mmCIF file of all heavy atoms, coordinates in Angstrom:
data_MODEL
# 
_entry.id   MODEL 
# 
loop_
_atom_site.group_PDB 
_atom_site.id 
_atom_site.type_symbol 
_atom_site.label_atom_id 
_atom_site.label_alt_id 
_atom_site.label_comp_id 
_atom_site.label_asym_id 
_atom_site.label_entity_id 
_atom_site.label_seq_id 
_atom_site.pdbx_PDB_ins_code 
_atom_site.Cartn_x 
_atom_site.Cartn_y 
_atom_site.Cartn_z 
_atom_site.occupancy 
_atom_site.B_iso_or_equiv 
_atom_site.pdbx_formal_charge 
_atom_site.auth_seq_id 
_atom_site.auth_comp_id 
_atom_site.auth_asym_id 
_atom_site.auth_atom_id 
_atom_site.pdbx_PDB_model_num 
ATOM 1   N N   . LEU A 1 1  ? 50.531 94.319  67.864 1.00 0.00 ? 1  LEU A N   1 
ATOM 2   C CA  . LEU A 1 1  ? 50.322 95.725  68.223 1.00 0.00 ? 1  LEU A CA  1 
ATOM 3   C C   . LEU A 1 1  ? 49.262 95.862  69.313 1.00 0.00 ? 1  LEU A C   1 
ATOM 4   O O   . LEU A 1 1  ? 49.396 96.680  70.232 1.00 0.00 ? 1  LEU A O   1 
ATOM 5   C CB  . LEU A 1 1  ? 49.894 96.529  66.998 1.00 0.00 ? 1  LEU A CB  1 
ATOM 6   C CG  . LEU A 1 1  ? 50.975 96.853  65.964 1.00 0.00 ? 1  LEU A CG  1 
ATOM 7   C CD1 . LEU A 1 1  ? 50.357 97.485  64.725 1.00 0.00 ? 1  LEU A CD1 1 
ATOM 8   C CD2 . LEU A 1 1  ? 52.035 97.786  66.546 1.00 0.00 ? 1  LEU A CD2 1 
ATOM 9   N N   . GLU A 1 2  ? 48.205 95.072  69.209 1.00 0.00 ? 2  GLU A N   1 
ATOM 10  C CA  . GLU A 1 2  ? 47.120 95.153  70.193 1.00 0.00 ? 2  GLU A CA  1 
ATOM 11  C C   . GLU A 1 2  ? 47.607 94.769  71.595 1.00 0.00 ? 2  GLU A C   1 
ATOM 12  O O   . GLU A 1 2  ? 47.142 95.325  72.596 1.00 0.00 ? 2  GLU A O   1 
ATOM 13  C CB  . GLU A 1 2  ? 45.969 94.237  69.767 1.00 0.00 ? 2  GLU A CB  1 
ATOM 14  C CG  . GLU A 1 2  ? 45.199 94.773  68.568 1.00 0.00 ? 2  GLU A CG  1 
ATOM 15  C CD  . GLU A 1 2  ? 44.196 93.762  68.017 1.00 0.00 ? 2  GLU A CD  1 
ATOM 16  O OE1 . GLU A 1 2  ? 44.360 92.552  68.285 1.00 0.00 ? 2  GLU A OE1 1 
ATOM 17  O OE2 . GLU A 1 2  ? 43.271 94.187  67.310 1.00 0.00 ? 2  GLU A OE2 1 
ATOM 18  N N   . LYS A 1 3  ? 48.530 93.839  71.684 1.00 0.00 ? 3  LYS A N   1 
ATOM 19  C CA  . LYS A 1 3  ? 49.043 93.388  72.978 1.00 0.00 ? 3  LYS A CA  1 
ATOM 20  C C   . LYS A 1 3  ? 50.180 94.271  73.502 1.00 0.00 ? 3  LYS A C   1 
ATOM 21  O O   . LYS A 1 3  ? 50.537 94.191  74.678 1.00 0.00 ? 3  LYS A O   1 
ATOM 22  C CB  . LYS A 1 3  ? 49.549 91.948  72.858 1.00 0.00 ? 3  LYS A CB  1 
ATOM 23  C CG  . LYS A 1 3  ? 48.455 90.927  72.567 1.00 0.00 ? 3  LYS A CG  1 
ATOM 24  C CD  . LYS A 1 3  ? 49.056 89.543  72.366 1.00 0.00 ? 3  LYS A CD  1 
ATOM 25  C CE  . LYS A 1 3  ? 47.990 88.508  72.032 1.00 0.00 ? 3  LYS A CE  1 
ATOM 26  N NZ  . LYS A 1 3  ? 48.588 87.173  71.769 1.00 0.00 ? 3  LYS A NZ  1 
ATOM 27  N N   . ALA A 1 4  ? 50.734 95.097  72.631 1.00 0.00 ? 4  ALA A N   1 
ATOM 28  C CA  . ALA A 1 4  ? 51.951 95.844  72.979 1.00 0.00 ? 4  ALA A CA  1 
ATOM 29  C C   . ALA A 1 4  ? 51.666 97.019  73.905 1.00 0.00 ? 4  ALA A C   1 
ATOM 30  O O   . ALA A 1 4  ? 50.682 97.736  73.741 1.00 0.00 ? 4  ALA A O   1 
ATOM 31  C CB  . ALA A 1 4  ? 52.626 96.339  71.705 1.00 0.00 ? 4  ALA A CB  1 
ATOM 32  N N   . SER A 1 5  ? 52.553 97.230  74.863 1.00 0.00 ? 5  SER A N   1 
ATOM 33  C CA  . SER A 1 5  ? 52.516 98.432  75.700 1.00 0.00 ? 5  SER A CA  1 
ATOM 34  C C   . SER A 1 5  ? 53.051 99.602  74.882 1.00 0.00 ? 5  SER A C   1 
ATOM 35  O O   . SER A 1 5  ? 53.653 99.405  73.819 1.00 0.00 ? 5  SER A O   1 
ATOM 36  C CB  . SER A 1 5  ? 53.395 98.223  76.929 1.00 0.00 ? 5  SER A CB  1 
ATOM 37  O OG  . SER A 1 5  ? 54.761 98.085  76.526 1.00 0.00 ? 5  SER A OG  1 
ATOM 38  N N   . PRO A 1 6  ? 52.857 100.848 75.342 1.00 0.00 ? 6  PRO A N   1 
ATOM 39  C CA  . PRO A 1 6  ? 53.412 101.995 74.601 1.00 0.00 ? 6  PRO A CA  1 
ATOM 40  C C   . PRO A 1 6  ? 54.909 101.882 74.344 1.00 0.00 ? 6  PRO A C   1 
ATOM 41  O O   . PRO A 1 6  ? 55.383 102.220 73.259 1.00 0.00 ? 6  PRO A O   1 
ATOM 42  C CB  . PRO A 1 6  ? 53.091 103.185 75.516 1.00 0.00 ? 6  PRO A CB  1 
ATOM 43  C CG  . PRO A 1 6  ? 51.844 102.771 76.234 1.00 0.00 ? 6  PRO A CG  1 
ATOM 44  C CD  . PRO A 1 6  ? 52.003 101.288 76.460 1.00 0.00 ? 6  PRO A CD  1 
ATOM 45  N N   . SER A 1 7  ? 55.667 101.379 75.315 1.00 0.00 ? 7  SER A N   1 
ATOM 46  C CA  . SER A 1 7  ? 57.118 101.262 75.118 1.00 0.00 ? 7  SER A CA  1 
ATOM 47  C C   . SER A 1 7  ? 57.449 100.208 74.059 1.00 0.00 ? 7  SER A C   1 
ATOM 48  O O   . SER A 1 7  ? 58.379 100.379 73.265 1.00 0.00 ? 7  SER A O   1 
ATOM 49  C CB  . SER A 1 7  ? 57.817 100.930 76.441 1.00 0.00 ? 7  SER A CB  1 
ATOM 50  O OG  . SER A 1 7  ? 57.361 99.683  76.937 1.00 0.00 ? 7  SER A OG  1 
ATOM 51  N N   . VAL A 1 8  ? 56.672 99.127  74.025 1.00 0.00 ? 8  VAL A N   1 
ATOM 52  C CA  . VAL A 1 8  ? 56.902 98.087  73.014 1.00 0.00 ? 8  VAL A CA  1 
ATOM 53  C C   . VAL A 1 8  ? 56.513 98.607  71.632 1.00 0.00 ? 8  VAL A C   1 
ATOM 54  O O   . VAL A 1 8  ? 57.190 98.320  70.634 1.00 0.00 ? 8  VAL A O   1 
ATOM 55  C CB  . VAL A 1 8  ? 56.134 96.797  73.362 1.00 0.00 ? 8  VAL A CB  1 
ATOM 56  C CG1 . VAL A 1 8  ? 56.201 95.788  72.216 1.00 0.00 ? 8  VAL A CG1 1 
ATOM 57  C CG2 . VAL A 1 8  ? 56.695 96.184  74.639 1.00 0.00 ? 8  VAL A CG2 1 
ATOM 58  N N   . ARG A 1 9  ? 55.434 99.376  71.561 1.00 0.00 ? 9  ARG A N   1 
ATOM 59  C CA  . ARG A 1 9  ? 55.048 99.965  70.256 1.00 0.00 ? 9  ARG A CA  1 
ATOM 60  C C   . ARG A 1 9  ? 56.157 100.866 69.733 1.00 0.00 ? 9  ARG A C   1 
ATOM 61  O O   . ARG A 1 9  ? 56.424 100.915 68.533 1.00 0.00 ? 9  ARG A O   1 
ATOM 62  C CB  . ARG A 1 9  ? 53.736 100.736 70.372 1.00 0.00 ? 9  ARG A CB  1 
ATOM 63  C CG  . ARG A 1 9  ? 52.491 99.879  70.428 1.00 0.00 ? 9  ARG A CG  1 
ATOM 64  C CD  . ARG A 1 9  ? 51.250 100.656 69.994 1.00 0.00 ? 9  ARG A CD  1 
ATOM 65  N NE  . ARG A 1 9  ? 51.095 101.902 70.720 1.00 0.00 ? 9  ARG A NE  1 
ATOM 66  C CZ  . ARG A 1 9  ? 50.356 102.051 71.806 1.00 0.00 ? 9  ARG A CZ  1 
ATOM 67  N NH1 . ARG A 1 9  ? 49.703 101.006 72.298 1.00 0.00 ? 9  ARG A NH1 1 
ATOM 68  N NH2 . ARG A 1 9  ? 50.252 103.219 72.404 1.00 0.00 ? 9  ARG A NH2 1 
ATOM 69  N N   . ARG A 1 10 ? 56.806 101.600 70.642 1.00 0.00 ? 10 ARG A N   1 
ATOM 70  C CA  . ARG A 1 10 ? 57.924 102.460 70.204 1.00 0.00 ? 10 ARG A CA  1 
ATOM 71  C C   . ARG A 1 10 ? 59.064 101.607 69.650 1.00 0.00 ? 10 ARG A C   1 
ATOM 72  O O   . ARG A 1 10 ? 59.731 102.002 68.689 1.00 0.00 ? 10 ARG A O   1 
ATOM 73  C CB  . ARG A 1 10 ? 58.396 103.333 71.363 1.00 0.00 ? 10 ARG A CB  1 
ATOM 74  C CG  . ARG A 1 10 ? 57.431 104.464 71.701 1.00 0.00 ? 10 ARG A CG  1 
ATOM 75  C CD  . ARG A 1 10 ? 58.067 105.508 72.606 1.00 0.00 ? 10 ARG A CD  1 
ATOM 76  N NE  . ARG A 1 10 ? 58.330 104.997 73.941 1.00 0.00 ? 10 ARG A NE  1 
ATOM 77  C CZ  . ARG A 1 10 ? 57.451 105.029 74.941 1.00 0.00 ? 10 ARG A CZ  1 
ATOM 78  N NH1 . ARG A 1 10 ? 56.241 105.533 74.750 1.00 0.00 ? 10 ARG A NH1 1 
ATOM 79  N NH2 . ARG A 1 10 ? 57.772 104.557 76.138 1.00 0.00 ? 10 ARG A NH2 1 
ATOM 80  N N   . MET A 1 11 ? 59.297 100.451 70.262 1.00 0.00 ? 11 MET A N   1 
ATOM 81  C CA  . MET A 1 11 ? 60.338 99.547  69.763 1.00 0.00 ? 11 MET A CA  1 
ATOM 82  C C   . MET A 1 11 ? 59.965 98.996  68.374 1.00 0.00 ? 11 MET A C   1 
ATOM 83  O O   . MET A 1 11 ? 60.813 98.856  67.498 1.00 0.00 ? 11 MET A O   1 
ATOM 84  C CB  . MET A 1 11 ? 60.542 98.389  70.752 1.00 0.00 ? 11 MET A CB  1 
ATOM 85  C CG  . MET A 1 11 ? 61.205 98.811  72.046 1.00 0.00 ? 11 MET A CG  1 
ATOM 86  S SD  . MET A 1 11 ? 61.229 97.472  73.276 1.00 0.00 ? 11 MET A SD  1 
ATOM 87  C CE  . MET A 1 11 ? 62.203 96.250  72.422 1.00 0.00 ? 11 MET A CE  1 
ATOM 88  N N   . ILE A 1 12 ? 58.677 98.707  68.173 1.00 0.00 ? 12 ILE A N   1 
ATOM 89  C CA  . ILE A 1 12 ? 58.214 98.221  66.872 1.00 0.00 ? 12 ILE A CA  1 
ATOM 90  C C   . ILE A 1 12 ? 58.391 99.311  65.818 1.00 0.00 ? 12 ILE A C   1 
ATOM 91  O O   . ILE A 1 12 ? 58.816 99.041  64.691 1.00 0.00 ? 12 ILE A O   1 
ATOM 92  C CB  . ILE A 1 12 ? 56.741 97.777  66.965 1.00 0.00 ? 12 ILE A CB  1 
ATOM 93  C CG1 . ILE A 1 12 ? 56.614 96.544  67.872 1.00 0.00 ? 12 ILE A CG1 1 
ATOM 94  C CG2 . ILE A 1 12 ? 56.175 97.482  65.573 1.00 0.00 ? 12 ILE A CG2 1 
ATOM 95  C CD1 . ILE A 1 12 ? 55.184 96.170  68.212 1.00 0.00 ? 12 ILE A CD1 1 
ATOM 96  N N   . ALA A 1 13 ? 58.072 100.553 66.197 1.00 0.00 ? 13 ALA A N   1 
ATOM 97  C CA  . ALA A 1 13 ? 58.257 101.670 65.264 1.00 0.00 ? 13 ALA A CA  1 
ATOM 98  C C   . ALA A 1 13 ? 59.729 101.829 64.899 1.00 0.00 ? 13 ALA A C   1 
ATOM 99  O O   . ALA A 1 13 ? 60.072 102.081 63.740 1.00 0.00 ? 13 ALA A O   1 
ATOM 100 C CB  . ALA A 1 13 ? 57.719 102.961 65.876 1.00 0.00 ? 13 ALA A CB  1 
ATOM 101 N N   . GLU A 1 14 ? 60.597 101.645 65.880 1.00 0.00 ? 14 GLU A N   1 
ATOM 102 C CA  . GLU A 1 14 ? 62.036 101.759 65.622 1.00 0.00 ? 14 GLU A CA  1 
ATOM 103 C C   . GLU A 1 14 ? 62.504 100.646 64.690 1.00 0.00 ? 14 GLU A C   1 
ATOM 104 O O   . GLU A 1 14 ? 63.417 100.850 63.878 1.00 0.00 ? 14 GLU A O   1 
ATOM 105 C CB  . GLU A 1 14 ? 62.805 101.708 66.944 1.00 0.00 ? 14 GLU A CB  1 
ATOM 106 C CG  . GLU A 1 14 ? 64.310 101.891 66.803 1.00 0.00 ? 14 GLU A CG  1 
ATOM 107 C CD  . GLU A 1 14 ? 64.695 103.184 66.097 1.00 0.00 ? 14 GLU A CD  1 
ATOM 108 O OE1 . GLU A 1 14 ? 64.040 104.220 66.345 1.00 0.00 ? 14 GLU A OE1 1 
ATOM 109 O OE2 . GLU A 1 14 ? 65.634 103.157 65.275 1.00 0.00 ? 14 GLU A OE2 1 
ATOM 110 N N   . ARG A 1 15 ? 61.875 99.500  64.780 1.00 0.00 ? 15 ARG A N   1 
ATOM 111 C CA  . ARG A 1 15 ? 62.186 98.379  63.886 1.00 0.00 ? 15 ARG A CA  1 
ATOM 112 C C   . ARG A 1 15 ? 61.991 98.791  62.430 1.00 0.00 ? 15 ARG A C   1 
ATOM 113 O O   . ARG A 1 15 ? 62.798 98.473  61.554 1.00 0.00 ? 15 ARG A O   1 
ATOM 114 C CB  . ARG A 1 15 ? 61.253 97.216  64.244 1.00 0.00 ? 15 ARG A CB  1 
ATOM 115 C CG  . ARG A 1 15 ? 61.506 95.919  63.531 1.00 0.00 ? 15 ARG A CG  1 
ATOM 116 C CD  . ARG A 1 15 ? 60.705 94.816  64.206 1.00 0.00 ? 15 ARG A CD  1 
ATOM 117 N NE  . ARG A 1 15 ? 59.284 94.820  63.865 1.00 0.00 ? 15 ARG A NE  1 
ATOM 118 C CZ  . ARG A 1 15 ? 58.341 94.185  64.570 1.00 0.00 ? 15 ARG A CZ  1 
ATOM 119 N NH1 . ARG A 1 15 ? 58.673 93.539  65.677 1.00 0.00 ? 15 ARG A NH1 1 
ATOM 120 N NH2 . ARG A 1 15 ? 57.080 94.209  64.184 1.00 0.00 ? 15 ARG A NH2 1 
ATOM 121 N N   . GLY A 1 16 ? 60.923 99.526  62.155 1.00 0.00 ? 16 GLY A N   1 
ATOM 122 C CA  . GLY A 1 16 ? 60.689 100.005 60.799 1.00 0.00 ? 16 GLY A CA  1 
ATOM 123 C C   . GLY A 1 16 ? 61.544 101.205 60.454 1.00 0.00 ? 16 GLY A C   1 
ATOM 124 O O   . GLY A 1 16 ? 62.076 101.308 59.345 1.00 0.00 ? 16 GLY A O   1 
ATOM 125 N N   . ARG A 1 17 ? 61.698 102.106 61.437 1.00 0.00 ? 17 ARG A N   1 
ATOM 126 C CA  . ARG A 1 17 ? 62.494 103.318 61.197 1.00 0.00 ? 17 ARG A CA  1 
ATOM 127 C C   . ARG A 1 17 ? 63.908 102.978 60.752 1.00 0.00 ? 17 ARG A C   1 
ATOM 128 O O   . ARG A 1 17 ? 64.485 103.644 59.900 1.00 0.00 ? 17 ARG A O   1 
ATOM 129 C CB  . ARG A 1 17 ? 62.532 104.170 62.465 1.00 0.00 ? 17 ARG A CB  1 
ATOM 130 C CG  . ARG A 1 17 ? 63.244 105.519 62.284 1.00 0.00 ? 17 ARG A CG  1 
ATOM 131 C CD  . ARG A 1 17 ? 63.469 106.222 63.597 1.00 0.00 ? 17 ARG A CD  1 
ATOM 132 N NE  . ARG A 1 17 ? 62.285 106.900 64.098 1.00 0.00 ? 17 ARG A NE  1 
ATOM 133 C CZ  . ARG A 1 17 ? 61.606 106.548 65.175 1.00 0.00 ? 17 ARG A CZ  1 
ATOM 134 N NH1 . ARG A 1 17 ? 61.977 105.470 65.873 1.00 0.00 ? 17 ARG A NH1 1 
ATOM 135 N NH2 . ARG A 1 17 ? 60.546 107.236 65.561 1.00 0.00 ? 17 ARG A NH2 1 
ATOM 136 N N   . ALA A 1 18 ? 64.466 101.904 61.333 1.00 0.00 ? 18 ALA A N   1 
ATOM 137 C CA  . ALA A 1 18 ? 65.840 101.518 61.018 1.00 0.00 ? 18 ALA A CA  1 
ATOM 138 C C   . ALA A 1 18 ? 66.015 101.096 59.563 1.00 0.00 ? 18 ALA A C   1 
ATOM 139 O O   . ALA A 1 18 ? 67.134 101.108 59.038 1.00 0.00 ? 18 ALA A O   1 
ATOM 140 C CB  . ALA A 1 18 ? 66.266 100.370 61.937 1.00 0.00 ? 18 ALA A CB  1 
ATOM 141 N N   . LEU A 1 19 ? 64.920 100.737 58.889 1.00 0.00 ? 19 LEU A N   1 
ATOM 142 C CA  . LEU A 1 19 ? 64.998 100.319 57.487 1.00 0.00 ? 19 LEU A CA  1 
ATOM 143 C C   . LEU A 1 19 ? 65.013 101.504 56.530 1.00 0.00 ? 19 LEU A C   1 
ATOM 144 O O   . LEU A 1 19 ? 65.402 101.375 55.369 1.00 0.00 ? 19 LEU A O   1 
ATOM 145 C CB  . LEU A 1 19 ? 63.803 99.409  57.145 1.00 0.00 ? 19 LEU A CB  1 
ATOM 146 C CG  . LEU A 1 19 ? 63.669 98.123  57.967 1.00 0.00 ? 19 LEU A CG  1 
ATOM 147 C CD1 . LEU A 1 19 ? 62.395 97.393  57.575 1.00 0.00 ? 19 LEU A CD1 1 
ATOM 148 C CD2 . LEU A 1 19 ? 64.885 97.229  57.766 1.00 0.00 ? 19 LEU A CD2 1 
ATOM 149 N N   . PHE A 1 20 ? 64.557 102.674 57.003 1.00 0.00 ? 20 PHE A N   1 
ATOM 150 C CA  . PHE A 1 20 ? 64.472 103.856 56.140 1.00 0.00 ? 20 PHE A CA  1 
ATOM 151 C C   . PHE A 1 20 ? 65.867 104.419 55.881 1.00 0.00 ? 20 PHE A C   1 
ATOM 152 O O   . PHE A 1 20 ? 66.694 104.476 56.796 1.00 0.00 ? 20 PHE A O   1 
ATOM 153 C CB  . PHE A 1 20 ? 63.630 104.949 56.806 1.00 0.00 ? 20 PHE A CB  1 
ATOM 154 C CG  . PHE A 1 20 ? 62.146 104.773 56.671 1.00 0.00 ? 20 PHE A CG  1 
ATOM 155 C CD1 . PHE A 1 20 ? 61.494 103.699 57.259 1.00 0.00 ? 20 PHE A CD1 1 
ATOM 156 C CD2 . PHE A 1 20 ? 61.393 105.688 55.969 1.00 0.00 ? 20 PHE A CD2 1 
ATOM 157 C CE1 . PHE A 1 20 ? 60.129 103.532 57.157 1.00 0.00 ? 20 PHE A CE1 1 
ATOM 158 C CE2 . PHE A 1 20 ? 60.015 105.543 55.852 1.00 0.00 ? 20 PHE A CE2 1 
ATOM 159 C CZ  . PHE A 1 20 ? 59.379 104.463 56.441 1.00 0.00 ? 20 PHE A CZ  1 
ATOM 160 N N   . PRO A 1 21 ? 66.147 104.858 54.646 1.00 0.00 ? 21 PRO A N   1 
ATOM 161 C CA  . PRO A 1 21 ? 67.415 105.559 54.408 1.00 0.00 ? 21 PRO A CA  1 
ATOM 162 C C   . PRO A 1 21 ? 67.482 106.828 55.260 1.00 0.00 ? 21 PRO A C   1 
ATOM 163 O O   . PRO A 1 21 ? 66.465 107.490 55.479 1.00 0.00 ? 21 PRO A O   1 
ATOM 164 C CB  . PRO A 1 21 ? 67.344 105.921 52.917 1.00 0.00 ? 21 PRO A CB  1 
ATOM 165 C CG  . PRO A 1 21 ? 66.293 105.038 52.335 1.00 0.00 ? 21 PRO A CG  1 
ATOM 166 C CD  . PRO A 1 21 ? 65.317 104.763 53.434 1.00 0.00 ? 21 PRO A CD  1 
ATOM 167 N N   . SER A 1 22 ? 68.653 107.140 55.751 1.00 0.00 ? 22 SER A N   1 
ATOM 168 C CA  . SER A 1 22 ? 68.833 108.358 56.550 1.00 0.00 ? 22 SER A CA  1 
ATOM 169 C C   . SER A 1 22 ? 69.119 109.548 55.650 1.00 0.00 ? 22 SER A C   1 
ATOM 170 O O   . SER A 1 22 ? 69.852 109.435 54.661 1.00 0.00 ? 22 SER A O   1 
ATOM 171 C CB  . SER A 1 22 ? 69.992 108.186 57.533 1.00 0.00 ? 22 SER A CB  1 
ATOM 172 O OG  . SER A 1 22 ? 69.672 107.237 58.514 1.00 0.00 ? 22 SER A OG  1 
ATOM 173 N N   . ILE A 1 23 ? 68.544 110.673 56.003 1.00 0.00 ? 23 ILE A N   1 
ATOM 174 C CA  . ILE A 1 23 ? 68.852 111.929 55.339 1.00 0.00 ? 23 ILE A CA  1 
ATOM 175 C C   . ILE A 1 23 ? 69.474 112.847 56.382 1.00 0.00 ? 23 ILE A C   1 
ATOM 176 O O   . ILE A 1 23 ? 68.872 113.079 57.444 1.00 0.00 ? 23 ILE A O   1 
ATOM 177 C CB  . ILE A 1 23 ? 67.591 112.573 54.743 1.00 0.00 ? 23 ILE A CB  1 
ATOM 178 C CG1 . ILE A 1 23 ? 67.019 111.680 53.630 1.00 0.00 ? 23 ILE A CG1 1 
ATOM 179 C CG2 . ILE A 1 23 ? 67.884 113.962 54.197 1.00 0.00 ? 23 ILE A CG2 1 
ATOM 180 C CD1 . ILE A 1 23 ? 65.712 112.162 53.071 1.00 0.00 ? 23 ILE A CD1 1 
ATOM 181 N N   . LEU A 1 24 ? 70.671 113.327 56.121 1.00 0.00 ? 24 LEU A N   1 
ATOM 182 C CA  . LEU A 1 24 ? 71.352 114.236 57.054 1.00 0.00 ? 24 LEU A CA  1 
ATOM 183 C C   . LEU A 1 24 ? 71.201 115.650 56.525 1.00 0.00 ? 24 LEU A C   1 
ATOM 184 O O   . LEU A 1 24 ? 71.840 116.047 55.551 1.00 0.00 ? 24 LEU A O   1 
ATOM 185 C CB  . LEU A 1 24 ? 72.825 113.836 57.191 1.00 0.00 ? 24 LEU A CB  1 
ATOM 186 C CG  . LEU A 1 24 ? 73.048 112.425 57.751 1.00 0.00 ? 24 LEU A CG  1 
ATOM 187 C CD1 . LEU A 1 24 ? 74.521 112.071 57.767 1.00 0.00 ? 24 LEU A CD1 1 
ATOM 188 C CD2 . LEU A 1 24 ? 72.451 112.291 59.154 1.00 0.00 ? 24 LEU A CD2 1 
ATOM 189 N N   . ASP A 1 25 ? 70.316 116.392 57.160 1.00 0.00 ? 25 ASP A N   1 
ATOM 190 C CA  . ASP A 1 25 ? 69.923 117.722 56.694 1.00 0.00 ? 25 ASP A CA  1 
ATOM 191 C C   . ASP A 1 25 ? 70.757 118.787 57.405 1.00 0.00 ? 25 ASP A C   1 
ATOM 192 O O   . ASP A 1 25 ? 70.721 118.881 58.631 1.00 0.00 ? 25 ASP A O   1 
ATOM 193 C CB  . ASP A 1 25 ? 68.436 117.924 56.974 1.00 0.00 ? 25 ASP A CB  1 
ATOM 194 C CG  . ASP A 1 25 ? 67.868 119.146 56.285 1.00 0.00 ? 25 ASP A CG  1 
ATOM 195 O OD1 . ASP A 1 25 ? 68.470 119.583 55.296 1.00 0.00 ? 25 ASP A OD1 1 
ATOM 196 O OD2 . ASP A 1 25 ? 66.827 119.660 56.739 1.00 0.00 ? 25 ASP A OD2 1 
ATOM 197 N N   . VAL A 1 26 ? 71.524 119.563 56.647 1.00 0.00 ? 26 VAL A N   1 
ATOM 198 C CA  . VAL A 1 26 ? 72.373 120.614 57.216 1.00 0.00 ? 26 VAL A CA  1 
ATOM 199 C C   . VAL A 1 26 ? 71.637 121.949 57.141 1.00 0.00 ? 26 VAL A C   1 
ATOM 200 O O   . VAL A 1 26 ? 71.177 122.352 56.068 1.00 0.00 ? 26 VAL A O   1 
ATOM 201 C CB  . VAL A 1 26 ? 73.717 120.722 56.460 1.00 0.00 ? 26 VAL A CB  1 
ATOM 202 C CG1 . VAL A 1 26 ? 74.609 121.779 57.120 1.00 0.00 ? 26 VAL A CG1 1 
ATOM 203 C CG2 . VAL A 1 26 ? 74.413 119.372 56.428 1.00 0.00 ? 26 VAL A CG2 1 
ATOM 204 N N   . LYS A 1 27 ? 71.528 122.620 58.289 1.00 0.00 ? 27 LYS A N   1 
ATOM 205 C CA  . LYS A 1 27 ? 70.832 123.914 58.340 1.00 0.00 ? 27 LYS A CA  1 
ATOM 206 C C   . LYS A 1 27 ? 71.539 124.836 59.330 1.00 0.00 ? 27 LYS A C   1 
ATOM 207 O O   . LYS A 1 27 ? 72.212 124.369 60.254 1.00 0.00 ? 27 LYS A O   1 
ATOM 208 C CB  . LYS A 1 27 ? 69.375 123.729 58.770 1.00 0.00 ? 27 LYS A CB  1 
ATOM 209 C CG  . LYS A 1 27 ? 68.495 123.100 57.700 1.00 0.00 ? 27 LYS A CG  1 
ATOM 210 C CD  . LYS A 1 27 ? 67.044 123.065 58.155 1.00 0.00 ? 27 LYS A CD  1 
ATOM 211 C CE  . LYS A 1 27 ? 66.149 122.488 57.064 1.00 0.00 ? 27 LYS A CE  1 
ATOM 212 N NZ  . LYS A 1 27 ? 64.741 122.421 57.504 1.00 0.00 ? 27 LYS A NZ  1 
# 
């Protein structure tokens, strides 16, 4: 994380986000 650029940090965040169950909220 310390070496990562902002764009790489976003990719790391997406790495974790992809593991979360999706909730499809209808409104």
